Amino acid sequence: MATTNPIQFIQQVRAEVAKVSWPTRREVMLTSVMVFIMAALMATFFSLVDLGIRTGLAAVLNAF
């Protein structure tokens, strides 16, 4: 591997960081809200599935 001195490394890092397309505050807020909504929906869904399985299993076990 070729070695570069620290000054060249920092220059290369700054050049790469300049190429990054940073999200706006609005985009970050919207995606964060969407993630929280999806997490809440998935938690609700899996809670209902768990409740259904638990109720069904309890019914089957109580039948015996």
N, C-alpha and C. Protein backbone atom coordinates (compact mmCIF):
# COMPACT_ATOMS: atom_id res chain seq x y z
N MET A 1 0.83 -1.18 0.00
CA MET A 1 0.00 0.00 0.00
C MET A 1 0.88 1.24 0.00
N ALA A 2 0.42 2.21 -0.74
CA ALA A 2 1.15 3.47 -0.78
C ALA A 2 0.82 4.28 0.46
N THR A 3 1.82 4.89 1.02
CA THR A 3 1.59 5.72 2.21
C THR A 3 1.55 7.19 1.79
N THR A 4 0.67 7.93 2.44
CA THR A 4 0.58 9.37 2.20
C THR A 4 0.87 10.08 3.50
N ASN A 5 1.35 11.27 3.36
CA ASN A 5 1.62 12.02 4.58
C ASN A 5 0.32 12.57 5.14
N PRO A 6 0.29 12.96 6.38
CA PRO A 6 -0.95 13.40 7.02
C PRO A 6 -1.62 14.59 6.33
N ILE A 7 -0.84 15.48 5.78
CA ILE A 7 -1.42 16.65 5.11
C ILE A 7 -2.18 16.22 3.86
N GLN A 8 -1.62 15.32 3.06
CA GLN A 8 -2.32 14.81 1.88
C GLN A 8 -3.58 14.05 2.29
N PHE A 9 -3.46 13.28 3.35
CA PHE A 9 -4.62 12.53 3.82
C PHE A 9 -5.76 13.47 4.18
N ILE A 10 -5.47 14.53 4.93
CA ILE A 10 -6.51 15.48 5.32
C ILE A 10 -7.10 16.17 4.10
N GLN A 11 -6.28 16.49 3.11
CA GLN A 11 -6.77 17.11 1.89
C GLN A 11 -7.71 16.16 1.14
N GLN A 12 -7.36 14.89 1.10
CA GLN A 12 -8.21 13.89 0.43
C GLN A 12 -9.52 13.70 1.18
N VAL A 13 -9.45 13.69 2.49
CA VAL A 13 -10.67 13.56 3.29
C VAL A 13 -11.60 14.74 3.06
N ARG A 14 -11.04 15.94 3.06
CA ARG A 14 -11.86 17.15 2.84
C ARG A 14 -12.48 17.13 1.45
N ALA A 15 -11.73 16.64 0.45
CA ALA A 15 -12.26 16.56 -0.92
C ALA A 15 -13.42 15.57 -0.98
N GLU A 16 -13.30 14.44 -0.28
CA GLU A 16 -14.38 13.45 -0.29
C GLU A 16 -15.60 13.95 0.47
N VAL A 17 -15.39 14.62 1.59
CA VAL A 17 -16.51 15.15 2.38
C VAL A 17 -17.25 16.21 1.58
N ALA A 18 -16.55 16.96 0.75
CA ALA A 18 -17.20 17.98 -0.08
C ALA A 18 -18.13 17.35 -1.11
N LYS A 19 -17.90 16.09 -1.49
CA LYS A 19 -18.73 15.40 -2.47
C LYS A 19 -20.03 14.86 -1.87
N VAL A 20 -20.09 14.78 -0.56
CA VAL A 20 -21.24 14.18 0.11
C VAL A 20 -22.45 15.09 -0.04
N SER A 21 -23.59 14.46 -0.35
CA SER A 21 -24.84 15.20 -0.44
C SER A 21 -25.54 15.11 0.92
N TRP A 22 -25.42 16.15 1.73
CA TRP A 22 -25.96 16.14 3.08
C TRP A 22 -27.45 16.42 3.04
N PRO A 23 -28.26 15.71 3.83
CA PRO A 23 -29.71 15.97 3.85
C PRO A 23 -30.02 17.29 4.55
N THR A 24 -31.16 17.85 4.16
CA THR A 24 -31.60 19.08 4.82
C THR A 24 -32.25 18.74 6.15
N ARG A 25 -32.46 19.74 6.97
CA ARG A 25 -33.11 19.54 8.27
C ARG A 25 -34.51 18.96 8.06
N ARG A 26 -35.22 19.43 7.04
CA ARG A 26 -36.58 18.94 6.77
C ARG A 26 -36.56 17.46 6.39
N GLU A 27 -35.60 17.06 5.54
CA GLU A 27 -35.50 15.65 5.15
C GLU A 27 -35.20 14.76 6.35
N VAL A 28 -34.33 15.22 7.22
CA VAL A 28 -33.99 14.44 8.41
C VAL A 28 -35.22 14.29 9.31
N MET A 29 -35.95 15.38 9.50
CA MET A 29 -37.14 15.33 10.35
C MET A 29 -38.20 14.39 9.75
N LEU A 30 -38.43 14.49 8.44
CA LEU A 30 -39.44 13.63 7.80
C LEU A 30 -39.06 12.16 7.89
N THR A 31 -37.82 11.83 7.61
CA THR A 31 -37.44 10.43 7.67
C THR A 31 -37.45 9.91 9.11
N SER A 32 -37.11 10.76 10.07
CA SER A 32 -37.16 10.36 11.47
C SER A 32 -38.60 10.08 11.90
N VAL A 33 -39.51 10.94 11.51
CA VAL A 33 -40.93 10.73 11.84
C VAL A 33 -41.44 9.46 11.18
N MET A 34 -41.06 9.22 9.92
CA MET A 34 -41.50 8.00 9.24
C MET A 34 -40.97 6.75 9.95
N VAL A 35 -39.73 6.80 10.42
CA VAL A 35 -39.16 5.65 11.13
C VAL A 35 -39.93 5.39 12.43
N PHE A 36 -40.24 6.46 13.19
CA PHE A 36 -40.99 6.27 14.44
C PHE A 36 -42.39 5.75 14.17
N ILE A 37 -43.05 6.23 13.12
CA ILE A 37 -44.40 5.74 12.78
C ILE A 37 -44.34 4.27 12.40
N MET A 38 -43.37 3.89 11.56
CA MET A 38 -43.27 2.48 11.15
C MET A 38 -42.93 1.59 12.35
N ALA A 39 -42.10 2.07 13.25
CA ALA A 39 -41.76 1.28 14.44
C ALA A 39 -43.00 1.08 15.31
N ALA A 40 -43.82 2.11 15.44
CA ALA A 40 -45.05 1.99 16.23
C ALA A 40 -46.03 1.03 15.57
N LEU A 41 -46.16 1.12 14.25
CA LEU A 41 -47.05 0.21 13.53
C LEU A 41 -46.58 -1.25 13.64
N MET A 42 -45.30 -1.46 13.50
CA MET A 42 -44.78 -2.83 13.60
C MET A 42 -44.93 -3.36 15.03
N ALA A 43 -44.70 -2.52 16.02
CA ALA A 43 -44.87 -2.95 17.41
C ALA A 43 -46.33 -3.33 17.68
N THR A 44 -47.26 -2.54 17.16
CA THR A 44 -48.69 -2.85 17.31
C THR A 44 -49.03 -4.15 16.62
N PHE A 45 -48.55 -4.33 15.38
CA PHE A 45 -48.83 -5.55 14.62
C PHE A 45 -48.32 -6.78 15.37
N PHE A 46 -47.06 -6.74 15.79
CA PHE A 46 -46.50 -7.92 16.45
C PHE A 46 -47.12 -8.16 17.83
N SER A 47 -47.57 -7.12 18.49
CA SER A 47 -48.28 -7.30 19.76
C SER A 47 -49.60 -8.01 19.52
N LEU A 48 -50.31 -7.63 18.48
CA LEU A 48 -51.58 -8.29 18.16
C LEU A 48 -51.36 -9.74 17.74
N VAL A 49 -50.32 -10.00 16.95
CA VAL A 49 -50.02 -11.38 16.55
C VAL A 49 -49.67 -12.21 17.79
N ASP A 50 -48.87 -11.65 18.68
CA ASP A 50 -48.50 -12.34 19.91
C ASP A 50 -49.73 -12.63 20.76
N LEU A 51 -50.61 -11.65 20.88
CA LEU A 51 -51.84 -11.84 21.65
C LEU A 51 -52.69 -12.95 21.04
N GLY A 52 -52.79 -12.98 19.71
CA GLY A 52 -53.57 -14.02 19.04
C GLY A 52 -52.98 -15.40 19.26
N ILE A 53 -51.67 -15.51 19.13
CA ILE A 53 -51.02 -16.81 19.33
C ILE A 53 -51.15 -17.26 20.79
N ARG A 54 -50.97 -16.32 21.72
CA ARG A 54 -51.08 -16.66 23.14
C ARG A 54 -52.50 -17.12 23.48
N THR A 55 -53.51 -16.43 22.95
CA THR A 55 -54.91 -16.79 23.21
C THR A 55 -55.23 -18.16 22.61
N GLY A 56 -54.76 -18.38 21.37
CA GLY A 56 -55.01 -19.66 20.71
C GLY A 56 -54.33 -20.80 21.44
N LEU A 57 -53.11 -20.59 21.86
CA LEU A 57 -52.37 -21.63 22.57
C LEU A 57 -53.01 -21.92 23.93
N ALA A 58 -53.46 -20.87 24.61
CA ALA A 58 -54.12 -21.08 25.91
C ALA A 58 -55.42 -21.86 25.71
N ALA A 59 -56.15 -21.58 24.64
CA ALA A 59 -57.40 -22.32 24.38
C ALA A 59 -57.11 -23.79 24.11
N VAL A 60 -56.06 -24.04 23.33
CA VAL A 60 -55.71 -25.43 23.02
C VAL A 60 -55.27 -26.15 24.29
N LEU A 61 -54.44 -25.51 25.10
CA LEU A 61 -53.95 -26.16 26.32
C LEU A 61 -55.06 -26.36 27.35
N ASN A 62 -56.00 -25.43 27.42
CA ASN A 62 -57.12 -25.58 28.36
C ASN A 62 -58.11 -26.65 27.91
N ALA A 63 -58.09 -26.98 26.62
CA ALA A 63 -58.99 -28.03 26.12
C ALA A 63 -58.55 -29.40 26.64
N PHE A 64 -57.31 -29.53 26.98
CA PHE A 64 -56.80 -30.83 27.46
C PHE A 64 -56.85 -30.83 28.92
